[in-house]
Every structure is written in structure tokens, then in C-alpha cells.
Amino acid sequence: MPDPGQDSNFDDSFLTLARSSEGLYKDKGSKFYFFAFPVQDEQEIKDLLADLRKKYYDARHHCFAWVLGKEGLDYRANDDGEPNHSAGDPILGQIRSNQLTDILIVVVRYFGGTKLGMGGLIQAYKTSAAMAIEANEIIEKQVKIRIQVQFPYPQMNEVMKLVKTHDLDIIAQEMTLDCQMSLEFRQGLEQRVTQALEDIEGLELSTA
């Protein structure tokens, strides 16, 4: 599990996946194609599920679970025709046991002719989800906040010094008579950064 580092006192971190991953697990002739994705929102989840249903249109089951939000309070598990709690819940269980969020895991099953039984199904979906995570990389991310600032050009050096000190990301900037910037930073720095910005003469601050 990643080291939270020197800012571990901030309660704005969560664990998720670094990239998408996929693979195949077989059990008694049945094939379980597993997929894991880092995701941002429900629309992205719907799009990914739709793509997989299109690609594996002839599969009997597309079972999945997802979790969103730093606290993991937004989630869903779907058995997609398998016996109740035999597929979605075991997948969700692996997400929870690894303390992950902003993640979607899908397991596409092709029936192999031999019934696995309730216990066998639970184990197969649990194993597939675990393998999807193992094939990936768990990373630590922070909840981000974005703000807009506008300030007179002479204050540029002061603003850039603050950007460098707090390692802020400049998402966009526009230089006209006044300077405008869109800044992004971790949630744990919100009070410190906004106070420092408000101390700069002539600077106007608003949320993005």
C-alpha cells in the first residue's frame, strides 16, 4: 500500500487504481474475463459498461461493482442474472478489502457447460476481481479543489511564488490587463492556500 508521505495528517487522500487492467480466469470450462478501471463518475461507468457489452455481446453475464467518492459511500454491485449475491457482492468485497474507491470492476462470464454452484460462483468472481486488482497498481490520490483568481499584473511574482511554495497546478491562465488563473490543489491545503491568496493585494478569488 502506498506511503501517504509527509502530508499524511491531511484527511484528503484515497486509494485507487493507476490504469485499466484485464485478464482471464477459468474454472470448470467457464471463462471469466475481468476488467478494472479507475473512474471519475457514473457517466464514465455507464460508457465503459456499454463498450464491454458491445464487445462481448454474446456473453451470458456482465457482472460488476463500482465505488465512487473518497469515503466510498456511492457504490453498486450487480449480479446480472447470476444467483443473488453470487457475483456483484464478491467483486465489491475485493474493492472494499483493498480500500479502493473511484473504481469499476467488471467480470464477463462465458458459461462452460458445468454449473459451479453458489459457492463456486462466489469464489470465481472473488478470484477474478482480486486478479484484476493484482494486475494493476494501487496508487494514492488526493481530493482536488479548483479555484479562479484574478489579480493585477504587478502581483504576478507574488502569485507565482505562492504557486511554487504550495505546489499548485495551473490549469489555465490568461494574461490581459489583469491576470486570470485557474488553480488546482489538494483539499487539505484549502485553508492555507486561500488565506495566502487573500493576503495578496488586489487579488480576487472565486471557486471554479
C-alpha atoms as a PDB file:
ATOM      1  CA  MET A   1       0.000   0.000   0.000  1.00  0.00           C
ATOM      2  CA  PRO A   2       1.426   3.408  -0.900  1.00  0.00           C
ATOM      3  CA  ASP A   3       3.088   5.557   1.733  1.00  0.00           C
ATOM      4  CA  PRO A   4       0.925   8.614   2.393  1.00  0.00           C
ATOM      5  CA  GLY A   5       4.143  10.604   2.880  1.00  0.00           C
ATOM      6  CA  GLN A   6       4.826  13.714   4.877  1.00  0.00           C
ATOM      7  CA  ASP A   7       1.319  15.147   4.451  1.00  0.00           C
ATOM      8  CA  SER A   8      -0.408  12.118   5.988  1.00  0.00           C
ATOM      9  CA  ASN A   9      -2.046  14.456   8.525  1.00  0.00           C
ATOM     10  CA  PHE A  10      -4.324  15.668   5.723  1.00  0.00           C
ATOM     11  CA  ASP A  11      -7.585  13.760   5.550  1.00  0.00           C
ATOM     12  CA  ASP A  12      -7.930  14.194   1.793  1.00  0.00           C
ATOM     13  CA  SER A  13      -6.264  11.058   0.416  1.00  0.00           C
ATOM     14  CA  PHE A  14      -7.753   7.888  -1.041  1.00  0.00           C
ATOM     15  CA  LEU A  15      -6.557   4.766  -2.840  1.00  0.00           C
ATOM     16  CA  THR A  16      -7.485   3.926  -6.416  1.00  0.00           C
ATOM     17  CA  LEU A  17      -6.021   2.236  -9.496  1.00  0.00           C
ATOM     18  CA  ALA A  18      -3.308   3.704 -11.698  1.00  0.00           C
ATOM     19  CA  ARG A  19      -4.737   2.472 -15.009  1.00  0.00           C
ATOM     20  CA  SER A  20      -7.066  -0.091 -16.584  1.00  0.00           C
ATOM     21  CA  SER A  21      -6.246  -3.804 -16.403  1.00  0.00           C
ATOM     22  CA  GLU A  22      -7.745  -7.007 -17.744  1.00  0.00           C
ATOM     23  CA  GLY A  23      -7.235 -10.749 -17.903  1.00  0.00           C
ATOM     24  CA  LEU A  24      -8.867 -14.175 -17.918  1.00  0.00           C
ATOM     25  CA  TYR A  25      -9.726 -16.663 -15.172  1.00  0.00           C
ATOM     26  CA  LYS A  26     -11.035 -20.156 -15.989  1.00  0.00           C
ATOM     27  CA  ASP A  27     -12.995 -22.545 -13.793  1.00  0.00           C
ATOM     28  CA  LYS A  28     -14.548 -25.856 -14.967  1.00  0.00           C
ATOM     29  CA  GLY A  29     -14.875 -24.673 -18.535  1.00  0.00           C
ATOM     30  CA  SER A  30     -16.384 -21.279 -17.688  1.00  0.00           C
ATOM     31  CA  LYS A  31     -14.356 -18.259 -18.755  1.00  0.00           C
ATOM     32  CA  PHE A  32     -14.301 -15.146 -16.613  1.00  0.00           C
ATOM     33  CA  TYR A  33     -12.880 -12.114 -18.410  1.00  0.00           C
ATOM     34  CA  PHE A  34     -12.075  -9.487 -15.789  1.00  0.00           C
ATOM     35  CA  PHE A  35     -11.589  -5.744 -16.228  1.00  0.00           C
ATOM     36  CA  ALA A  36     -10.676  -2.997 -13.749  1.00  0.00           C
ATOM     37  CA  PHE A  37     -10.814   0.748 -14.396  1.00  0.00           C
ATOM     38  CA  PRO A  38     -10.133   3.938 -12.442  1.00  0.00           C
ATOM     39  CA  VAL A  39     -13.270   6.072 -12.906  1.00  0.00           C
ATOM     40  CA  GLN A  40     -14.434   9.618 -12.167  1.00  0.00           C
ATOM     41  CA  ASP A  41     -18.223   9.438 -12.269  1.00  0.00           C
ATOM     42  CA  GLU A  42     -21.293   7.356 -13.115  1.00  0.00           C
ATOM     43  CA  GLN A  43     -21.404   8.501 -16.736  1.00  0.00           C
ATOM     44  CA  GLU A  44     -17.913   7.143 -17.313  1.00  0.00           C
ATOM     45  CA  ILE A  45     -19.001   3.873 -15.684  1.00  0.00           C
ATOM     46  CA  LYS A  46     -22.050   3.637 -17.978  1.00  0.00           C
ATOM     47  CA  ASP A  47     -19.886   4.248 -21.035  1.00  0.00           C
ATOM     48  CA  LEU A  48     -17.371   1.567 -20.038  1.00  0.00           C
ATOM     49  CA  LEU A  49     -20.124  -0.965 -19.344  1.00  0.00           C
ATOM     50  CA  ALA A  50     -21.751  -0.183 -22.690  1.00  0.00           C
ATOM     51  CA  ASP A  51     -18.444  -0.684 -24.510  1.00  0.00           C
ATOM     52  CA  LEU A  52     -17.897  -4.064 -22.847  1.00  0.00           C
ATOM     53  CA  ARG A  53     -21.463  -5.197 -23.603  1.00  0.00           C
ATOM     54  CA  LYS A  54     -20.910  -4.283 -27.241  1.00  0.00           C
ATOM     55  CA  LYS A  55     -17.558  -6.072 -27.438  1.00  0.00           C
ATOM     56  CA  TYR A  56     -18.685  -9.189 -25.515  1.00  0.00           C
ATOM     57  CA  TYR A  57     -22.257  -9.160 -26.788  1.00  0.00           C
ATOM     58  CA  ASP A  58     -22.565 -12.959 -26.734  1.00  0.00           C
ATOM     59  CA  ALA A  59     -21.564 -13.402 -23.075  1.00  0.00           C
ATOM     60  CA  ARG A  60     -24.206 -14.661 -20.643  1.00  0.00           C
ATOM     61  CA  HIS A  61     -23.293 -12.366 -17.750  1.00  0.00           C
ATOM     62  CA  HIS A  62     -21.653  -8.962 -17.302  1.00  0.00           C
ATOM     63  CA  CYS A  63     -21.318  -8.721 -13.507  1.00  0.00           C
ATOM     64  CA  PHE A  64     -19.770  -5.672 -11.896  1.00  0.00           C
ATOM     65  CA  ALA A  65     -19.254  -3.471  -8.867  1.00  0.00           C
ATOM     66  CA  TRP A  66     -18.137   0.118  -8.538  1.00  0.00           C
ATOM     67  CA  VAL A  67     -17.316   2.584  -5.765  1.00  0.00           C
ATOM     68  CA  LEU A  68     -17.066   6.377  -6.025  1.00  0.00           C
ATOM     69  CA  GLY A  69     -16.046   9.171  -3.645  1.00  0.00           C
ATOM     70  CA  LYS A  70     -13.352   9.494  -1.025  1.00  0.00           C
ATOM     71  CA  GLU A  71     -15.490   7.834   1.649  1.00  0.00           C
ATOM     72  CA  GLY A  72     -16.778   5.175  -0.761  1.00  0.00           C
ATOM     73  CA  LEU A  73     -20.395   5.952   0.077  1.00  0.00           C
ATOM     74  CA  ASP A  74     -21.562   5.838  -3.547  1.00  0.00           C
ATOM     75  CA  TYR A  75     -21.447   2.259  -4.815  1.00  0.00           C
ATOM     76  CA  ARG A  76     -23.289  -0.504  -6.640  1.00  0.00           C
ATOM     77  CA  ALA A  77     -22.991  -4.265  -7.137  1.00  0.00           C
ATOM     78  CA  ASN A  78     -24.780  -6.093  -9.964  1.00  0.00           C
ATOM     79  CA  ASP A  79     -25.189  -9.879 -10.401  1.00  0.00           C
ATOM     80  CA  ASP A  80     -26.541  -9.540 -13.972  1.00  0.00           C
ATOM     81  CA  GLY A  81     -28.562 -12.745 -13.910  1.00  0.00           C
ATOM     82  CA  GLU A  82     -26.314 -14.806 -11.650  1.00  0.00           C
ATOM     83  CA  PRO A  83     -27.865 -16.001  -8.351  1.00  0.00           C
ATOM     84  CA  ASN A  84     -28.372 -13.160  -5.870  1.00  0.00           C
ATOM     85  CA  HIS A  85     -25.151 -12.024  -4.144  1.00  0.00           C
ATOM     86  CA  SER A  86     -23.019 -14.593  -6.005  1.00  0.00           C
ATOM     87  CA  ALA A  87     -21.194 -12.152  -8.300  1.00  0.00           C
ATOM     88  CA  GLY A  88     -21.572  -8.420  -7.631  1.00  0.00           C
ATOM     89  CA  ASP A  89     -21.022  -8.691  -3.877  1.00  0.00           C
ATOM     90  CA  PRO A  90     -17.802 -10.775  -4.130  1.00  0.00           C
ATOM     91  CA  ILE A  91     -16.447  -8.222  -6.623  1.00  0.00           C
ATOM     92  CA  LEU A  92     -17.429  -5.358  -4.310  1.00  0.00           C
ATOM     93  CA  GLY A  93     -15.845  -7.229  -1.409  1.00  0.00           C
ATOM     94  CA  GLN A  94     -12.462  -7.209  -3.130  1.00  0.00           C
ATOM     95  CA  ILE A  95     -12.744  -3.475  -3.780  1.00  0.00           C
ATOM     96  CA  ARG A  96     -13.586  -2.888  -0.113  1.00  0.00           C
ATOM     97  CA  SER A  97     -10.871  -5.187   1.235  1.00  0.00           C
ATOM     98  CA  ASN A  98      -8.275  -3.238  -0.736  1.00  0.00           C
ATOM     99  CA  GLN A  99      -9.794   0.064   0.491  1.00  0.00           C
ATOM    100  CA  LEU A 100     -10.221   1.312  -3.072  1.00  0.00           C
ATOM    101  CA  THR A 101     -12.558   3.922  -4.495  1.00  0.00           C
ATOM    102  CA  ASP A 102     -13.182   5.634  -7.853  1.00  0.00           C
ATOM    103  CA  ILE A 103     -13.008   2.154  -9.351  1.00  0.00           C
ATOM    104  CA  LEU A 104     -15.085  -0.140 -11.575  1.00  0.00           C
ATOM    105  CA  ILE A 105     -14.520  -3.894 -11.869  1.00  0.00           C
ATOM    106  CA  VAL A 106     -16.420  -5.923 -14.468  1.00  0.00           C
ATOM    107  CA  VAL A 107     -16.342  -9.699 -14.855  1.00  0.00           C
ATOM    108  CA  VAL A 108     -17.741 -11.082 -18.119  1.00  0.00           C
ATOM    109  CA  ARG A 109     -18.666 -14.775 -17.920  1.00  0.00           C
ATOM    110  CA  TYR A 110     -18.976 -17.325 -20.670  1.00  0.00           C
ATOM    111  CA  PHE A 111     -20.669 -20.468 -19.329  1.00  0.00           C
ATOM    112  CA  GLY A 112     -18.633 -23.609 -19.885  1.00  0.00           C
ATOM    113  CA  GLY A 113     -21.342 -26.238 -19.502  1.00  0.00           C
ATOM    114  CA  THR A 114     -20.639 -27.204 -15.882  1.00  0.00           C
ATOM    115  CA  LYS A 115     -22.539 -25.471 -13.085  1.00  0.00           C
ATOM    116  CA  LEU A 116     -20.282 -24.113 -10.370  1.00  0.00           C
ATOM    117  CA  GLY A 117     -22.865 -23.854  -7.600  1.00  0.00           C
ATOM    118  CA  MET A 118     -23.326 -20.887  -5.302  1.00  0.00           C
ATOM    119  CA  GLY A 119     -20.017 -21.359  -3.503  1.00  0.00           C
ATOM    120  CA  GLY A 120     -18.133 -21.904  -6.747  1.00  0.00           C
ATOM    121  CA  LEU A 121     -19.593 -18.773  -8.307  1.00  0.00           C
ATOM    122  CA  ILE A 122     -18.719 -16.645  -5.294  1.00  0.00           C
ATOM    123  CA  GLN A 123     -15.144 -17.932  -5.357  1.00  0.00           C
ATOM    124  CA  ALA A 124     -14.802 -17.453  -9.123  1.00  0.00           C
ATOM    125  CA  TYR A 125     -15.997 -13.841  -9.082  1.00  0.00           C
ATOM    126  CA  LYS A 126     -13.967 -13.065  -5.965  1.00  0.00           C
ATOM    127  CA  THR A 127     -10.841 -14.522  -7.584  1.00  0.00           C
ATOM    128  CA  SER A 128     -11.447 -12.691 -10.864  1.00  0.00           C
ATOM    129  CA  ALA A 129     -11.828  -9.353  -9.070  1.00  0.00           C
ATOM    130  CA  ALA A 130      -8.711  -9.995  -6.991  1.00  0.00           C
ATOM    131  CA  MET A 131      -6.734 -10.819 -10.143  1.00  0.00           C
ATOM    132  CA  ALA A 132      -7.971  -7.623 -11.824  1.00  0.00           C
ATOM    133  CA  ILE A 133      -6.584  -5.597  -8.909  1.00  0.00           C
ATOM    134  CA  GLU A 134      -3.340  -7.599  -8.733  1.00  0.00           C
ATOM    135  CA  ALA A 135      -2.768  -6.956 -12.453  1.00  0.00           C
ATOM    136  CA  ASN A 136      -2.946  -3.235 -11.764  1.00  0.00           C
ATOM    137  CA  GLU A 137      -1.210  -0.777  -9.447  1.00  0.00           C
ATOM    138  CA  ILE A 138      -2.766   0.790  -6.366  1.00  0.00           C
ATOM    139  CA  ILE A 139      -1.921   4.475  -6.033  1.00  0.00           C
ATOM    140  CA  GLU A 140      -2.740   7.215  -3.571  1.00  0.00           C
ATOM    141  CA  LYS A 141      -4.529  10.325  -4.823  1.00  0.00           C
ATOM    142  CA  GLN A 142      -5.897  13.434  -3.160  1.00  0.00           C
ATOM    143  CA  VAL A 143      -9.259  15.111  -3.393  1.00  0.00           C
ATOM    144  CA  LYS A 144      -8.631  18.213  -5.512  1.00  0.00           C
ATOM    145  CA  ILE A 145     -10.090  21.716  -5.265  1.00  0.00           C
ATOM    146  CA  ARG A 146     -10.091  24.203  -8.144  1.00  0.00           C
ATOM    147  CA  ILE A 147     -10.322  27.977  -7.736  1.00  0.00           C
ATOM    148  CA  GLN A 148     -10.176  31.031 -10.008  1.00  0.00           C
ATOM    149  CA  VAL A 149      -8.004  34.029  -9.205  1.00  0.00           C
ATOM    150  CA  GLN A 150      -7.778  37.444 -10.856  1.00  0.00           C
ATOM    151  CA  PHE A 151      -5.081  39.950  -9.963  1.00  0.00           C
ATOM    152  CA  PRO A 152      -3.182  42.967 -11.306  1.00  0.00           C
ATOM    153  CA  TYR A 153      -0.116  42.109 -13.370  1.00  0.00           C
ATOM    154  CA  PRO A 154       2.366  43.622 -10.848  1.00  0.00           C
ATOM    155  CA  GLN A 155       1.274  40.906  -8.376  1.00  0.00           C
ATOM    156  CA  MET A 156       2.394  38.098 -10.717  1.00  0.00           C
ATOM    157  CA  ASN A 157       5.662  37.363  -8.900  1.00  0.00           C
ATOM    158  CA  GLU A 158       3.877  37.087  -5.572  1.00  0.00           C
ATOM    159  CA  VAL A 159       1.253  34.731  -7.002  1.00  0.00           C
ATOM    160  CA  MET A 160       3.848  32.539  -8.752  1.00  0.00           C
ATOM    161  CA  LYS A 161       5.886  32.317  -5.553  1.00  0.00           C
ATOM    162  CA  LEU A 162       2.779  31.016  -3.760  1.00  0.00           C
ATOM    163  CA  VAL A 163       2.094  28.555  -6.620  1.00  0.00           C
ATOM    164  CA  LYS A 164       5.624  27.176  -6.285  1.00  0.00           C
ATOM    165  CA  THR A 165       5.608  27.081  -2.470  1.00  0.00           C
ATOM    166  CA  HIS A 166       2.403  25.044  -2.269  1.00  0.00           C
ATOM    167  CA  ASP A 167       2.964  23.064  -5.480  1.00  0.00           C
ATOM    168  CA  LEU A 168      -0.284  24.280  -7.035  1.00  0.00           C
ATOM    169  CA  ASP A 169      -1.283  23.185 -10.538  1.00  0.00           C
ATOM    170  CA  ILE A 170      -2.043  25.951 -13.038  1.00  0.00           C
ATOM    171  CA  ILE A 171      -4.927  24.547 -15.080  1.00  0.00           C
ATOM    172  CA  ALA A 172      -5.408  27.644 -17.247  1.00  0.00           C
ATOM    173  CA  GLN A 173      -4.218  31.231 -17.380  1.00  0.00           C
ATOM    174  CA  GLU A 174      -4.990  34.371 -19.331  1.00  0.00           C
ATOM    175  CA  MET A 175      -2.893  37.496 -19.415  1.00  0.00           C
ATOM    176  CA  THR A 176      -4.719  40.703 -20.358  1.00  0.00           C
ATOM    177  CA  LEU A 177      -4.871  43.973 -18.412  1.00  0.00           C
ATOM    178  CA  ASP A 178      -5.405  41.759 -15.393  1.00  0.00           C
ATOM    179  CA  CYS A 179      -4.141  38.203 -14.973  1.00  0.00           C
ATOM    180  CA  GLN A 180      -6.539  35.293 -14.546  1.00  0.00           C
ATOM    181  CA  MET A 181      -5.606  31.793 -13.414  1.00  0.00           C
ATOM    182  CA  SER A 182      -7.384  28.545 -12.654  1.00  0.00           C
ATOM    183  CA  LEU A 183      -5.500  26.784  -9.854  1.00  0.00           C
ATOM    184  CA  GLU A 184      -5.905  23.239  -8.519  1.00  0.00           C
ATOM    185  CA  PHE A 185      -4.563  21.795  -5.273  1.00  0.00           C
ATOM    186  CA  ARG A 186      -5.227  19.098  -2.697  1.00  0.00           C
ATOM    187  CA  GLN A 187      -8.171  19.657  -0.372  1.00  0.00           C
ATOM    188  CA  GLY A 188      -6.007  19.570   2.746  1.00  0.00           C
ATOM    189  CA  LEU A 189      -4.292  22.797   1.671  1.00  0.00           C
ATOM    190  CA  GLU A 190      -7.528  24.746   1.134  1.00  0.00           C
ATOM    191  CA  GLN A 191      -7.423  26.973   4.206  1.00  0.00           C
ATOM    192  CA  ARG A 192      -3.696  27.639   3.938  1.00  0.00           C
ATOM    193  CA  VAL A 193      -3.770  28.472   0.224  1.00  0.00           C
ATOM    194  CA  THR A 194      -6.914  30.613   0.229  1.00  0.00           C
ATOM    195  CA  GLN A 195      -5.626  32.623   3.197  1.00  0.00           C
ATOM    196  CA  ALA A 196      -2.299  33.248   1.446  1.00  0.00           C
ATOM    197  CA  LEU A 197      -4.080  34.290  -1.757  1.00  0.00           C
ATOM    198  CA  GLU A 198      -6.430  36.636   0.091  1.00  0.00           C
ATOM    199  CA  ASP A 199      -3.390  38.346   1.598  1.00  0.00           C
ATOM    200  CA  ILE A 200      -2.212  39.401  -1.885  1.00  0.00           C
ATOM    201  CA  GLU A 201      -3.294  42.975  -2.573  1.00  0.00           C
ATOM    202  CA  GLY A 202      -5.825  43.402  -5.362  1.00  0.00           C
ATOM    203  CA  LEU A 203      -6.398  39.674  -5.864  1.00  0.00           C
ATOM    204  CA  GLU A 204      -9.957  38.391  -6.333  1.00  0.00           C
ATOM    205  CA  LEU A 205     -10.739  34.734  -5.616  1.00  0.00           C
ATOM    206  CA  SER A 206     -13.709  32.567  -6.592  1.00  0.00           C
ATOM    207  CA  THR A 207     -14.474  28.850  -6.702  1.00  0.00           C
ATOM    208  CA  ALA A 208     -14.314  27.157 -10.099  1.00  0.00           C
END
